[in-house]
Amino acid sequence: MQNLQSIMETLSGWVWGPYMLVLIVGTGVFLTFRLLFWQFRMLPLAFKQVFGKHPSHEGDISQFSSLMTALSATIGTGNIAGVATACVLGGPGAVFWMWMTALFGMATKYGEGVLAVKYRVKNEKGEMSGGPMYYIERGLKWKWLALIFAFFGAVASFGIGSSVQSNTVALAVENGFGLETWITGVIITAFSALVILGGIKSIARASSFIVPIMAIGYVTGGLIIIFNNLELVGPALKMIFTYAFTGEAAVGGAIGAAIRYGVARGVFSNEAGMGSAPIAAAAAKTDHPARQGLVSMTGTFIDTIIVCSITGIVLVMGFIMAGNDFGGQTGAVLTIGVFDKLLPGVGGWVVTFGIIFFAYSTILGWSYYGEKCATYLLGEKFVLPYRIIYIATVFIGCIATLDLVWLFADTFNGLMAIPNLIGLLLLSGVIAKESKDFIARRKSGELY
C-alpha cells in the first residue's frame, strides 16, 4: 500500500504539474483570442439567458437547471478548503491568479457548452446524452480518445464525486455536532439515493433548489463580514494585487508559488477544462449551441469570481488582523476559524453548513457525470447498477480513511482534462463558427 501511495503521489504530481496547468490555462487564453474576448463582450447576455424565460426547445431540463446541476458539482469544498490552501501555500497573491484562471476559464467553459449541444445525441429513452466523449467521437472521429475520457470520468466520479465528498461531510458533522460518522453515512446515503435514483430530472430539481440557497447563504455571510470590516477591504485588495507579483507570504517567498497554487486551486474549483460540466450542459433545452455555451460560462464566473472571491478576501482580511499570519492552519479549518473570528458565533456555522451542502450537491452533480461516462462505455443497461454502486460509495466514504482515495480521485480528475482539452483545441473552429452563426441569426431576427 505504501508503494502504491508513493506511485500515485508521483502520478498526481505529474498530472497536476506545471505542464497541465499551462495546458488548461493556455486553452482558455487561446479560445479567448480566437473568439475575440467573447466571454467579456457577451457576459450581460449570458446572465440574461440564465434568469430569463425562453420558449421550450429540445432537451431534458431548462438552461437554468442545467447550470444549477453543473454548479452543484462545481461549487464544493474547493471554494472553502481549496481557497484556504492556495492562500497558505501561495500567499494572498494566489487569489489574484485564481481570478485570472477564471476569466480565461470562462472561454473554456463556453467552448465546452457549445460542443456539448452541437454533438449531443438522444439515447434509447429519448434523453439527451453529450459531453467530451461525444464531441471527441463525433467531431474528431477519435472513438479511442472518447473512450479514454469516459473511463477517467467514470473512475473519478467514485472518488471526487462521492466518497471524498461524503467523507468531508461526515468529518464536518462529527467535529461540529459530535455525530458518529456511520450515522451521518446512513443519512446522507439515504438522501442521495432519493435524488440520484430519479435520474437527471430529479437531480436538476434538487440542484435548482439547493444550489441557489447554499450559494446565497454562504455569500451573504461573507458579505456581512466584509461590510462589518470595510476598513480592511482596501488593504486586503492591495495585498492580493501586490503579492501576486512579488510572491510575499508564499512558500519560500517565490512568485511561482502564488501563480502555481492560485491557478491549480482555481482550476480545481471551477473545473473549466475538466470536461465535467458539458455533460450537464448537453441536457439543456436550447435552440442553439452558443446560447447554452453562454449559460455554461456564467458557472465559472459565479463559482470563482463570486464565491471563491468572498472566501479569499475574508481570509486575507483575517491574515491582516492576525499580523500577516495564518496561524499554522490551512484548509477548511482555517476558513472556519477566520469566519468565526470576524463574525463571532455565526461565521463558523456559515462555513460548516456551507461545507455540508456544497459537498452534498457535488455528490448529486457528479452522479450524473459518472453515469453518462459509464453508460457511454457499457451501455444504457448499466444505468441502474452504476447508480447503486455510486450510492454505496457515498456510505463507504463516510466510514473509511480516504488518503489513497483522495490521490486516485485527484489524479483521475486531472486525467479527464487531457482528452477534453485536445477536443476543445482541435474543434475550436467549430466553436468560432457556431458563435458567428448565433450572432448572425440573432441580428436577422431568426433567433431571439
Protein backbone atom coordinates (compact mmCIF):
# COMPACT_ATOMS: atom_id res chain seq x y z
CA MET A 1 0.00 0.00 0.00
CA GLN A 2 2.87 2.36 0.76
CA ASN A 3 4.40 1.66 -2.66
CA LEU A 4 1.03 2.24 -4.32
CA GLN A 5 0.59 5.51 -2.44
CA SER A 6 4.07 6.61 -3.48
CA ILE A 7 3.31 5.80 -7.13
CA MET A 8 0.00 7.68 -7.00
CA GLU A 9 1.63 10.70 -5.37
CA THR A 10 4.18 10.81 -8.19
CA LEU A 11 1.48 10.42 -10.84
CA SER A 12 -0.74 13.05 -9.22
CA GLY A 13 2.20 15.45 -9.05
CA TRP A 14 2.79 14.94 -12.78
CA VAL A 15 -0.88 15.25 -13.74
CA TRP A 16 -1.33 18.49 -11.77
CA GLY A 17 2.16 19.77 -12.53
CA PRO A 18 3.11 22.94 -14.42
CA TYR A 19 2.61 21.39 -17.89
CA MET A 20 -1.01 20.54 -17.15
CA LEU A 21 -1.72 23.95 -15.65
CA VAL A 22 -0.17 25.67 -18.68
CA LEU A 23 -2.29 23.47 -20.99
CA ILE A 24 -5.51 24.26 -19.12
CA VAL A 25 -4.95 28.00 -18.81
CA GLY A 26 -3.38 28.15 -22.28
CA THR A 27 -6.53 26.64 -23.79
CA GLY A 28 -8.58 29.40 -22.15
CA VAL A 29 -6.19 32.08 -23.42
CA PHE A 30 -6.25 30.61 -26.94
CA LEU A 31 -10.06 30.46 -27.04
CA THR A 32 -10.28 33.99 -25.61
CA PHE A 33 -8.28 35.40 -28.54
CA ARG A 34 -9.85 33.02 -31.09
CA LEU A 35 -13.31 34.23 -30.06
CA LEU A 36 -12.23 37.89 -29.72
CA PHE A 37 -12.82 38.11 -25.95
CA TRP A 38 -16.32 36.68 -26.30
CA GLN A 39 -16.74 35.96 -22.58
CA PHE A 40 -16.40 39.66 -21.70
CA ARG A 41 -18.46 41.02 -24.58
CA MET A 42 -21.33 38.60 -24.06
CA LEU A 43 -21.47 38.31 -20.26
CA PRO A 44 -24.58 40.52 -19.83
CA LEU A 45 -26.45 38.46 -22.45
CA ALA A 46 -25.21 35.28 -20.80
CA PHE A 47 -26.80 36.18 -17.44
CA LYS A 48 -29.97 37.18 -19.26
CA GLN A 49 -30.12 33.64 -20.69
CA VAL A 50 -29.75 32.11 -17.23
CA PHE A 51 -32.51 34.04 -15.49
CA GLY A 52 -34.82 34.91 -18.38
CA LYS A 53 -37.80 32.95 -19.68
CA HIS A 54 -37.37 31.24 -23.03
CA PRO A 55 -39.50 29.25 -25.46
CA SER A 56 -39.44 25.49 -24.96
CA HIS A 57 -36.84 23.70 -27.05
CA GLU A 58 -35.50 20.20 -27.48
CA GLY A 59 -33.78 18.91 -24.36
CA ASP A 60 -34.45 17.37 -20.95
CA ILE A 61 -34.10 20.27 -18.48
CA SER A 62 -34.15 24.08 -18.57
CA GLN A 63 -30.99 26.11 -19.11
CA PHE A 64 -31.23 27.31 -15.51
CA SER A 65 -31.50 23.72 -14.27
CA SER A 66 -28.56 22.62 -16.40
CA LEU A 67 -26.45 25.42 -14.90
CA MET A 68 -27.56 24.54 -11.37
CA THR A 69 -26.70 20.88 -11.99
CA ALA A 70 -23.26 21.88 -13.22
CA LEU A 71 -22.80 24.28 -10.31
CA SER A 72 -23.94 21.61 -7.85
CA ALA A 73 -20.90 19.58 -8.88
CA THR A 74 -18.61 22.60 -9.23
CA ILE A 75 -19.30 24.64 -6.09
CA GLY A 76 -17.85 22.45 -3.39
CA THR A 77 -15.13 22.09 -0.82
CA GLY A 78 -12.70 23.72 -3.27
CA ASN A 79 -14.46 27.04 -2.68
CA ILE A 80 -13.75 26.77 1.04
CA ALA A 81 -10.81 24.45 1.70
CA GLY A 82 -9.18 24.92 -1.72
CA VAL A 83 -9.01 28.71 -1.47
CA ALA A 84 -7.55 28.47 2.04
CA THR A 85 -4.87 26.04 0.87
CA ALA A 86 -3.99 28.36 -2.04
CA CYS A 87 -3.67 31.34 0.31
CA VAL A 88 -1.45 29.45 2.77
CA LEU A 89 0.88 27.89 0.19
CA GLY A 90 0.81 30.67 -2.41
CA GLY A 91 0.20 33.65 -0.17
CA PRO A 92 -2.61 36.22 -0.58
CA GLY A 93 -1.44 36.82 -4.16
CA ALA A 94 -2.81 33.40 -5.10
CA VAL A 95 -6.31 34.92 -5.06
CA PHE A 96 -5.36 37.17 -8.00
CA TRP A 97 -4.21 34.18 -10.04
CA MET A 98 -7.45 32.37 -9.23
CA TRP A 99 -9.26 35.34 -10.78
CA MET A 100 -7.09 35.21 -13.90
CA THR A 101 -7.74 31.48 -14.25
CA ALA A 102 -11.49 32.09 -14.04
CA LEU A 103 -11.57 34.96 -16.54
CA PHE A 104 -9.85 32.85 -19.20
CA GLY A 105 -11.62 29.71 -17.99
CA MET A 106 -14.95 31.30 -18.92
CA ALA A 107 -13.92 30.98 -22.59
CA THR A 108 -13.11 27.31 -22.00
CA LYS A 109 -16.47 26.69 -20.32
CA TYR A 110 -18.21 28.48 -23.18
CA GLY A 111 -16.49 26.24 -25.73
CA GLU A 112 -17.41 23.13 -23.74
CA GLY A 113 -21.08 24.17 -23.66
CA VAL A 114 -21.16 24.87 -27.41
CA LEU A 115 -19.66 21.50 -28.33
CA ALA A 116 -21.83 19.65 -25.80
CA VAL A 117 -25.04 20.79 -27.52
CA LYS A 118 -23.60 20.68 -31.05
CA TYR A 119 -22.72 16.98 -30.83
CA ARG A 120 -25.28 15.64 -28.35
CA VAL A 121 -27.44 12.61 -29.20
CA LYS A 122 -30.67 11.05 -27.95
CA ASN A 123 -30.35 7.79 -26.06
CA GLU A 124 -32.74 4.84 -26.05
CA LYS A 125 -35.02 6.57 -23.54
CA GLY A 126 -35.25 9.74 -25.61
CA GLU A 127 -32.97 11.62 -23.19
CA MET A 128 -30.05 13.77 -24.29
CA SER A 129 -26.50 12.46 -23.92
CA GLY A 130 -23.47 14.61 -24.55
CA GLY A 131 -20.14 15.84 -23.30
CA PRO A 132 -16.49 15.39 -24.27
CA MET A 133 -16.87 11.72 -25.21
CA TYR A 134 -19.49 12.65 -27.80
CA TYR A 135 -17.78 15.68 -29.29
CA ILE A 136 -14.48 13.83 -29.43
CA GLU A 137 -16.11 10.85 -31.17
CA ARG A 138 -18.46 12.76 -33.49
CA GLY A 139 -16.35 15.87 -34.03
CA LEU A 140 -12.83 14.45 -34.21
CA LYS A 141 -13.86 10.88 -35.17
CA TRP A 142 -11.49 9.58 -32.46
CA LYS A 143 -13.53 6.95 -30.66
CA TRP A 144 -10.47 5.68 -28.80
CA LEU A 145 -9.86 9.06 -27.16
CA ALA A 146 -13.56 9.38 -26.30
CA LEU A 147 -13.40 6.00 -24.52
CA ILE A 148 -10.34 7.14 -22.57
CA PHE A 149 -12.17 10.26 -21.36
CA ALA A 150 -15.25 8.23 -20.38
CA PHE A 151 -13.11 5.76 -18.42
CA PHE A 152 -11.32 8.52 -16.50
CA GLY A 153 -14.64 10.27 -15.84
CA ALA A 154 -16.38 7.15 -14.55
CA VAL A 155 -13.50 6.27 -12.21
CA ALA A 156 -13.15 9.86 -10.97
CA SER A 157 -16.84 10.02 -10.07
CA PHE A 158 -16.49 7.37 -7.35
CA GLY A 159 -13.74 9.39 -5.70
CA ILE A 160 -14.05 13.13 -6.24
CA GLY A 161 -17.81 12.84 -6.72
CA SER A 162 -18.98 10.52 -3.98
CA SER A 163 -16.66 9.04 -1.33
CA VAL A 164 -14.39 12.07 -0.91
CA GLN A 165 -17.37 14.41 -0.60
CA SER A 166 -19.30 12.24 1.85
CA ASN A 167 -16.13 11.84 3.92
CA THR A 168 -15.85 15.63 4.11
CA VAL A 169 -19.47 15.90 5.29
CA ALA A 170 -19.07 13.12 7.88
CA LEU A 171 -15.98 14.74 9.40
CA ALA A 172 -17.57 18.20 9.41
CA VAL A 173 -20.69 16.89 11.18
CA GLU A 174 -18.60 14.91 13.67
CA ASN A 175 -16.48 17.96 14.52
CA GLY A 176 -19.43 20.35 14.62
CA PHE A 177 -22.15 18.22 16.21
CA GLY A 178 -20.39 15.16 17.64
CA LEU A 179 -22.42 12.76 15.46
CA GLU A 180 -20.70 9.47 14.65
CA THR A 181 -19.61 9.14 11.03
CA TRP A 182 -21.67 5.99 10.32
CA ILE A 183 -24.87 7.77 11.36
CA THR A 184 -24.07 10.64 9.00
CA GLY A 185 -23.32 7.97 6.39
CA VAL A 186 -26.78 6.45 6.69
CA ILE A 187 -28.49 9.86 6.48
CA ILE A 188 -26.53 11.28 3.54
CA THR A 189 -26.70 7.97 1.65
CA ALA A 190 -30.48 7.88 2.04
CA PHE A 191 -30.88 11.48 0.86
CA SER A 192 -28.51 10.85 -2.05
CA ALA A 193 -30.42 7.73 -3.11
CA LEU A 194 -33.76 9.58 -3.07
CA VAL A 195 -32.46 12.04 -5.66
CA ILE A 196 -29.97 10.01 -7.70
CA LEU A 197 -32.31 7.10 -8.45
CA GLY A 198 -34.69 9.58 -10.12
CA GLY A 199 -32.17 10.48 -12.84
CA ILE A 200 -31.28 13.85 -14.36
CA LYS A 201 -34.69 15.49 -13.88
CA SER A 202 -34.66 14.61 -10.17
CA ILE A 203 -31.05 15.80 -9.81
CA ALA A 204 -31.87 19.03 -11.67
CA ARG A 205 -34.88 19.73 -9.42
CA ALA A 206 -32.84 19.17 -6.27
CA SER A 207 -29.90 21.21 -7.58
CA SER A 208 -32.17 24.09 -8.64
CA PHE A 209 -33.43 24.23 -5.04
CA ILE A 210 -30.20 23.57 -3.08
CA VAL A 211 -27.57 25.46 -5.10
CA PRO A 212 -29.12 28.97 -5.02
CA ILE A 213 -29.88 28.68 -1.28
CA MET A 214 -26.44 27.40 -0.29
CA ALA A 215 -24.57 29.87 -2.52
CA ILE A 216 -26.64 32.87 -1.40
CA GLY A 217 -26.31 31.84 2.27
CA TYR A 218 -22.53 31.48 2.09
CA VAL A 219 -22.01 34.66 0.05
CA THR A 220 -24.31 36.62 2.40
CA GLY A 221 -22.28 35.52 5.42
CA GLY A 222 -19.07 36.57 3.67
CA LEU A 223 -20.50 39.94 2.61
CA ILE A 224 -21.66 40.69 6.17
CA ILE A 225 -18.07 40.13 7.34
CA ILE A 226 -16.72 42.36 4.56
CA PHE A 227 -19.17 45.21 5.26
CA ASN A 228 -18.58 44.92 9.01
CA ASN A 229 -14.84 45.34 8.40
CA LEU A 230 -14.75 47.80 5.49
CA GLU A 231 -11.50 49.32 6.77
CA LEU A 232 -9.76 46.04 5.95
CA VAL A 233 -11.08 45.67 2.40
CA GLY A 234 -8.70 48.19 0.83
CA PRO A 235 -5.58 46.75 2.49
CA ALA A 236 -6.72 43.21 1.63
CA LEU A 237 -7.19 44.01 -2.07
CA LYS A 238 -3.88 45.90 -2.15
CA MET A 239 -2.13 42.89 -0.61
CA ILE A 240 -3.74 40.48 -3.12
CA PHE A 241 -2.60 42.54 -6.12
CA THR A 242 0.85 43.34 -4.69
CA TYR A 243 1.69 39.83 -3.50
CA ALA A 244 0.55 38.35 -6.83
CA PHE A 245 3.69 39.82 -8.43
CA THR A 246 6.12 39.68 -5.53
CA GLY A 247 5.48 36.26 -4.03
CA GLU A 248 5.47 37.65 -0.49
CA ALA A 249 3.89 35.36 2.13
CA ALA A 250 4.12 32.48 -0.38
CA VAL A 251 6.11 29.28 0.14
CA GLY A 252 9.76 30.37 0.11
CA GLY A 253 8.63 33.85 -0.93
CA ALA A 254 8.51 32.75 -4.58
CA ILE A 255 6.16 34.38 -7.07
CA GLY A 256 5.92 30.98 -8.77
CA ALA A 257 4.16 29.60 -5.69
CA ALA A 258 1.48 32.30 -5.86
CA ILE A 259 0.87 31.54 -9.54
CA ARG A 260 1.02 27.76 -9.19
CA TYR A 261 -1.34 27.41 -6.25
CA GLY A 262 -3.67 30.15 -7.43
CA VAL A 263 -4.05 28.56 -10.85
CA ALA A 264 -4.23 24.97 -9.54
CA ARG A 265 -6.92 25.70 -6.94
CA GLY A 266 -8.80 27.93 -9.36
CA VAL A 267 -9.00 25.12 -11.89
CA PHE A 268 -9.88 22.60 -9.18
CA SER A 269 -12.72 24.85 -8.01
CA ASN A 270 -14.37 25.90 -11.28
CA GLU A 271 -13.45 22.76 -13.32
CA ALA A 272 -13.01 24.78 -16.54
CA GLY A 273 -11.36 22.39 -18.98
CA MET A 274 -12.03 19.26 -16.92
CA GLY A 275 -14.85 18.16 -19.22
CA SER A 276 -17.38 17.53 -16.46
CA ALA A 277 -19.78 20.49 -16.84
CA PRO A 278 -20.54 19.94 -20.58
CA ILE A 279 -22.15 16.60 -19.66
CA ALA A 280 -24.87 18.55 -17.83
CA ALA A 281 -24.96 21.27 -20.49
CA ALA A 282 -25.90 18.69 -23.12
CA ALA A 283 -29.21 18.02 -21.36
CA ALA A 284 -30.38 21.65 -21.59
CA LYS A 285 -33.38 22.81 -23.60
CA THR A 286 -31.93 25.27 -26.10
CA ASP A 287 -32.27 26.35 -29.71
CA HIS A 288 -28.58 26.97 -30.40
CA PRO A 289 -25.25 25.59 -29.10
CA ALA A 290 -23.87 29.10 -28.48
CA ARG A 291 -26.81 30.01 -26.26
CA GLN A 292 -26.03 27.11 -23.93
CA GLY A 293 -22.34 27.98 -24.12
CA LEU A 294 -23.19 31.41 -22.72
CA VAL A 295 -25.12 29.83 -19.86
CA SER A 296 -22.26 27.44 -19.13
CA MET A 297 -19.64 30.16 -18.87
CA THR A 298 -21.61 32.00 -16.16
CA GLY A 299 -20.91 28.99 -13.94
CA THR A 300 -17.20 29.82 -13.84
CA PHE A 301 -17.98 33.45 -13.06
CA ILE A 302 -20.31 32.50 -10.20
CA ASP A 303 -18.00 29.83 -8.79
CA THR A 304 -14.70 31.71 -8.78
CA ILE A 305 -15.28 35.43 -9.32
CA ILE A 306 -18.10 35.48 -6.75
CA VAL A 307 -17.92 32.55 -4.29
CA CYS A 308 -14.14 31.99 -4.21
CA SER A 309 -13.54 35.74 -4.06
CA ILE A 310 -15.67 36.01 -0.92
CA THR A 311 -13.61 33.27 0.74
CA GLY A 312 -10.30 34.72 -0.45
CA ILE A 313 -10.98 38.32 0.59
CA VAL A 314 -12.23 37.28 4.04
CA LEU A 315 -9.17 35.05 4.54
CA VAL A 316 -6.78 37.88 3.61
CA MET A 317 -8.65 40.22 5.97
CA GLY A 318 -8.12 37.66 8.72
CA PHE A 319 -4.47 37.35 7.68
CA ILE A 320 -4.01 41.11 8.15
CA MET A 321 -5.82 41.15 11.51
CA ALA A 322 -3.55 38.38 12.78
CA GLY A 323 -0.42 40.34 11.92
CA ASN A 324 0.12 38.77 8.49
CA ASP A 325 -0.07 35.24 9.82
CA PHE A 326 -2.44 32.32 9.12
CA GLY A 327 -1.52 30.74 12.45
CA GLY A 328 -0.27 27.45 11.04
CA GLN A 329 -3.75 26.39 9.92
CA THR A 330 -4.97 25.53 6.43
CA GLY A 331 -7.95 24.10 4.54
CA ALA A 332 -11.49 24.21 5.90
CA VAL A 333 -10.23 24.60 9.49
CA LEU A 334 -8.59 27.91 8.57
CA THR A 335 -11.70 29.21 6.78
CA ILE A 336 -13.97 28.23 9.69
CA GLY A 337 -11.59 29.92 12.15
CA VAL A 338 -11.34 33.20 10.22
CA PHE A 339 -15.09 33.42 9.55
CA ASP A 340 -15.81 32.72 13.23
CA LYS A 341 -13.29 35.35 14.34
CA LEU A 342 -14.70 38.04 12.05
CA LEU A 343 -18.35 37.06 12.64
CA PRO A 344 -18.35 35.62 16.18
CA GLY A 345 -20.84 32.88 16.95
CA VAL A 346 -22.17 32.74 13.39
CA GLY A 347 -19.30 32.74 10.91
CA GLY A 348 -18.06 29.25 11.79
CA TRP A 349 -21.54 27.81 11.32
CA VAL A 350 -21.90 29.53 7.95
CA VAL A 351 -18.79 27.70 6.73
CA THR A 352 -19.71 24.38 8.38
CA PHE A 353 -23.17 24.30 6.79
CA GLY A 354 -21.60 25.51 3.55
CA ILE A 355 -19.26 22.51 3.56
CA ILE A 356 -22.14 20.11 4.22
CA PHE A 357 -24.41 21.39 1.46
CA PHE A 358 -21.62 22.10 -1.01
CA ALA A 359 -20.36 18.53 -0.64
CA TYR A 360 -23.87 17.03 -0.83
CA SER A 361 -24.68 18.92 -4.00
CA THR A 362 -21.38 17.75 -5.52
CA ILE A 363 -22.44 14.15 -4.84
CA LEU A 364 -25.62 14.74 -6.83
CA GLY A 365 -24.00 16.51 -9.78
CA TRP A 366 -21.15 14.04 -10.15
CA SER A 367 -23.51 11.06 -10.07
CA TYR A 368 -24.90 12.28 -13.40
CA TYR A 369 -21.45 12.88 -14.86
CA GLY A 370 -20.23 9.44 -13.86
CA GLU A 371 -23.42 7.77 -15.06
CA LYS A 372 -23.10 9.27 -18.53
CA CYS A 373 -19.44 8.22 -18.73
CA ALA A 374 -20.24 4.70 -17.53
CA THR A 375 -23.16 4.23 -19.93
CA TYR A 376 -21.02 5.51 -22.82
CA LEU A 377 -18.61 2.69 -22.02
CA LEU A 378 -21.05 -0.10 -21.12
CA GLY A 379 -24.48 0.88 -22.50
CA GLU A 380 -27.80 2.04 -21.05
CA LYS A 381 -28.33 -1.29 -19.28
CA PHE A 382 -25.65 -0.21 -16.81
CA VAL A 383 -27.56 2.86 -15.56
CA LEU A 384 -29.18 1.23 -12.50
CA PRO A 385 -26.11 -0.83 -11.50
CA TYR A 386 -23.97 2.31 -11.72
CA ARG A 387 -26.37 4.32 -9.54
CA ILE A 388 -26.42 1.57 -6.90
CA ILE A 389 -22.61 1.29 -6.83
CA TYR A 390 -22.27 5.08 -6.69
CA ILE A 391 -24.72 5.34 -3.78
CA ALA A 392 -22.80 2.59 -1.93
CA THR A 393 -19.55 4.54 -2.26
CA VAL A 394 -21.26 7.51 -0.62
CA PHE A 395 -21.68 5.45 2.56
CA ILE A 396 -18.21 3.90 2.33
CA GLY A 397 -16.72 7.38 2.12
CA CYS A 398 -18.25 8.32 5.47
CA ILE A 399 -16.65 5.46 7.40
CA ALA A 400 -13.35 4.91 5.56
CA THR A 401 -9.94 6.56 5.66
CA LEU A 402 -9.51 8.08 2.26
CA ASP A 403 -5.91 9.26 1.90
CA LEU A 404 -5.28 6.93 -1.05
CA VAL A 405 -8.76 7.52 -2.50
CA TRP A 406 -8.05 11.26 -2.47
CA LEU A 407 -4.93 10.64 -4.56
CA PHE A 408 -6.80 8.42 -7.04
CA ALA A 409 -9.66 10.94 -7.27
CA ASP A 410 -7.35 13.90 -7.76
CA THR A 411 -5.31 12.06 -10.40
CA PHE A 412 -8.21 10.75 -12.49
CA ASN A 413 -9.98 14.11 -12.22
CA GLY A 414 -6.91 15.68 -13.80
CA LEU A 415 -6.52 12.95 -16.42
CA MET A 416 -10.03 13.75 -17.67
CA ALA A 417 -8.79 17.14 -18.80
CA ILE A 418 -6.23 15.86 -21.33
CA PRO A 419 -8.61 14.34 -23.92
CA ASN A 420 -11.13 17.13 -23.30
CA LEU A 421 -8.60 19.90 -23.95
CA ILE A 422 -7.41 18.12 -27.10
CA GLY A 423 -11.02 18.12 -28.29
CA LEU A 424 -11.52 21.80 -27.45
CA LEU A 425 -8.36 22.93 -29.23
CA LEU A 426 -8.91 20.85 -32.38
CA LEU A 427 -12.60 21.79 -32.56
CA SER A 428 -12.05 25.49 -31.82
CA GLY A 429 -13.01 26.27 -35.42
CA VAL A 430 -16.44 24.73 -34.80
CA ILE A 431 -16.84 26.85 -31.65
CA ALA A 432 -15.96 30.02 -33.58
CA LYS A 433 -18.31 29.09 -36.45
CA GLU A 434 -21.25 28.45 -34.10
CA SER A 435 -20.57 31.76 -32.33
CA LYS A 436 -20.67 33.72 -35.60
CA ASP A 437 -23.82 31.86 -36.67
CA PHE A 438 -25.52 32.74 -33.37
CA ILE A 439 -24.77 36.45 -33.78
CA ALA A 440 -25.87 36.49 -37.44
CA ARG A 441 -29.16 34.70 -36.73
CA ARG A 442 -29.95 37.00 -33.80
CA LYS A 443 -29.33 40.06 -35.99
CA SER A 444 -31.62 38.67 -38.68
CA GLY A 445 -34.37 38.02 -36.14
CA GLU A 446 -34.32 34.26 -36.69
CA LEU A 447 -33.29 33.74 -33.05
CA TYR A 448 -34.50 35.73 -30.05
